[in-house]
Amino acid sequence: MSDLQLILFSIPGVYFNAVLLTWFVETFRKNGLVFAPARGFKLMTPVFKAFLFGVVPGAVITNYLAFYTEKPHVYVSVPMVIGIVVSGIVLHRDLISHSENLPKTNAVIAGIGLALAVFWGFIAFISH
């Protein structure tokens, strides 16, 4: 895999992880520690929905392509990357709809995403 492909395939993961971390911080800030299982599942509904709409279909299509193509190529993983983007967008929309301060929420997502990208790039640079 070339360096450009590696970067392009990693950007959706950075975005999804930044949105997911921000969602967990916001949920923890609003609700504190949750010890009741029913309440925990209710709070986790947006994450379950995001995985169900994005990651699960992407994983199924990617596995189908990987098993039923004669020579799997690196582009077989494109549906999974698209699924991660869809999951990030679904979770980001839910986060925006429940946010008290929209610019601050988007700035936190951008900051976490930038930090993850810099750390990922640093690790990729050192490993070469």
Protein backbone atom coordinates (compact mmCIF):
# COMPACT_ATOMS: atom_id res chain seq x y z
CA MET A 1 0.00 0.00 0.00
CA SER A 2 1.40 3.37 -0.95
CA ASP A 3 1.73 6.21 1.51
CA LEU A 4 -1.09 8.17 -0.16
CA GLN A 5 -3.47 5.22 0.09
CA LEU A 6 -2.51 4.73 3.71
CA ILE A 7 -3.28 8.38 4.49
CA LEU A 8 -6.56 8.39 2.55
CA PHE A 9 -7.76 5.20 4.22
CA SER A 10 -6.85 6.54 7.67
CA ILE A 11 -8.64 9.90 7.53
CA PRO A 12 -12.14 8.43 8.09
CA GLY A 13 -10.90 6.52 11.13
CA VAL A 14 -9.39 9.67 12.58
CA TYR A 15 -12.68 11.52 12.04
CA PHE A 16 -14.78 8.72 13.54
CA ASN A 17 -12.50 8.36 16.56
CA ALA A 18 -12.57 12.12 17.16
CA VAL A 19 -16.38 12.19 17.02
CA LEU A 20 -16.65 9.11 19.23
CA LEU A 21 -14.27 10.51 21.86
CA THR A 22 -16.14 13.82 21.87
CA TRP A 23 -19.46 12.02 22.19
CA PHE A 24 -18.21 10.03 25.18
CA VAL A 25 -16.83 13.15 26.87
CA GLU A 26 -20.07 15.07 26.32
CA THR A 27 -22.18 12.17 27.57
CA PHE A 28 -19.99 11.73 30.64
CA ARG A 29 -20.09 15.48 31.31
CA LYS A 30 -23.90 15.54 31.16
CA ASN A 31 -24.70 12.25 32.93
CA GLY A 32 -21.68 11.34 35.02
CA LEU A 33 -21.02 7.69 35.76
CA VAL A 34 -23.91 5.44 34.82
CA PHE A 35 -24.39 2.29 36.89
CA ALA A 36 -27.88 1.25 35.75
CA PRO A 37 -27.68 -1.10 32.74
CA ALA A 38 -30.97 0.09 31.25
CA ARG A 39 -29.89 3.73 31.40
CA GLY A 40 -26.48 2.81 29.99
CA PHE A 41 -28.06 1.11 26.99
CA LYS A 42 -30.36 4.09 26.48
CA LEU A 43 -27.40 6.48 26.50
CA MET A 44 -25.47 4.26 24.08
CA THR A 45 -28.31 4.13 21.52
CA PRO A 46 -26.71 6.73 19.18
CA VAL A 47 -23.46 4.75 19.09
CA PHE A 48 -25.33 1.51 18.37
CA LYS A 49 -27.30 3.27 15.63
CA ALA A 50 -24.11 4.70 14.10
CA PHE A 51 -22.47 1.26 14.03
CA LEU A 52 -25.61 -0.36 12.62
CA PHE A 53 -25.95 2.17 9.78
CA GLY A 54 -22.29 2.42 8.83
CA VAL A 55 -19.73 -0.04 10.15
CA VAL A 56 -21.88 -3.19 9.96
CA PRO A 57 -22.92 -2.80 6.29
CA GLY A 58 -19.38 -1.75 5.38
CA ALA A 59 -17.92 -4.81 7.08
CA VAL A 60 -20.43 -7.14 5.43
CA ILE A 61 -19.77 -5.75 1.94
CA THR A 62 -16.00 -5.77 2.48
CA ASN A 63 -16.07 -9.40 3.62
CA TYR A 64 -18.26 -10.34 0.68
CA LEU A 65 -15.85 -8.68 -1.76
CA ALA A 66 -12.80 -10.18 -0.08
CA PHE A 67 -14.14 -13.72 -0.17
CA TYR A 68 -15.72 -13.67 -3.63
CA THR A 69 -13.13 -11.85 -5.72
CA GLU A 70 -10.38 -13.85 -7.34
CA LYS A 71 -7.55 -11.44 -6.48
CA PRO A 72 -8.51 -9.13 -3.62
CA HIS A 73 -7.00 -5.70 -4.02
CA VAL A 74 -6.48 -2.95 -1.48
CA TYR A 75 -9.64 -1.27 -2.77
CA VAL A 76 -11.73 -4.12 -1.36
CA SER A 77 -11.65 -2.22 1.94
CA VAL A 78 -13.29 0.89 0.44
CA PRO A 79 -16.82 -0.11 1.60
CA MET A 80 -15.54 -0.39 5.18
CA VAL A 81 -13.96 3.06 4.93
CA ILE A 82 -17.24 4.46 3.60
CA GLY A 83 -19.09 2.71 6.44
CA ILE A 84 -16.80 4.35 8.99
CA VAL A 85 -17.50 7.75 7.43
CA VAL A 86 -21.25 7.12 7.54
CA SER A 87 -21.01 6.07 11.20
CA GLY A 88 -19.03 9.21 12.01
CA ILE A 89 -21.59 11.41 10.26
CA VAL A 90 -24.54 9.75 12.02
CA LEU A 91 -22.88 10.13 15.42
CA HIS A 92 -21.78 13.69 14.63
CA ARG A 93 -25.35 14.65 13.71
CA ASP A 94 -26.61 13.20 16.98
CA LEU A 95 -23.90 15.04 18.88
CA ILE A 96 -24.81 18.31 17.17
CA SER A 97 -28.51 17.85 17.90
CA HIS A 98 -27.84 17.46 21.64
CA SER A 99 -25.01 19.97 21.93
CA GLU A 100 -25.37 23.05 24.09
CA ASN A 101 -22.53 24.91 22.39
CA LEU A 102 -22.20 23.93 18.72
CA PRO A 103 -19.01 25.85 17.83
CA LYS A 104 -17.25 24.50 20.90
CA THR A 105 -18.32 20.93 20.08
CA ASN A 106 -17.06 21.22 16.51
CA ALA A 107 -13.81 22.80 17.72
CA VAL A 108 -13.27 19.92 20.14
CA ILE A 109 -13.88 17.39 17.36
CA ALA A 110 -11.45 19.24 15.10
CA GLY A 111 -8.84 19.49 17.87
CA ILE A 112 -9.04 15.81 18.77
CA GLY A 113 -8.97 14.86 15.09
CA LEU A 114 -5.92 17.02 14.50
CA ALA A 115 -4.15 15.54 17.52
CA LEU A 116 -4.95 11.99 16.37
CA ALA A 117 -3.75 12.77 12.84
CA VAL A 118 -0.50 14.30 14.11
CA PHE A 119 0.19 11.37 16.42
CA TRP A 120 -0.68 8.88 13.69
CA GLY A 121 1.57 10.71 11.22
CA PHE A 122 4.39 10.81 13.77
CA ILE A 123 4.14 7.08 14.36
CA ALA A 124 3.99 6.39 10.59
CA PHE A 125 7.03 8.62 10.06
CA ILE A 126 9.05 6.91 12.80
CA SER A 127 8.13 3.42 11.60
CA HIS A 128 9.53 4.09 8.11
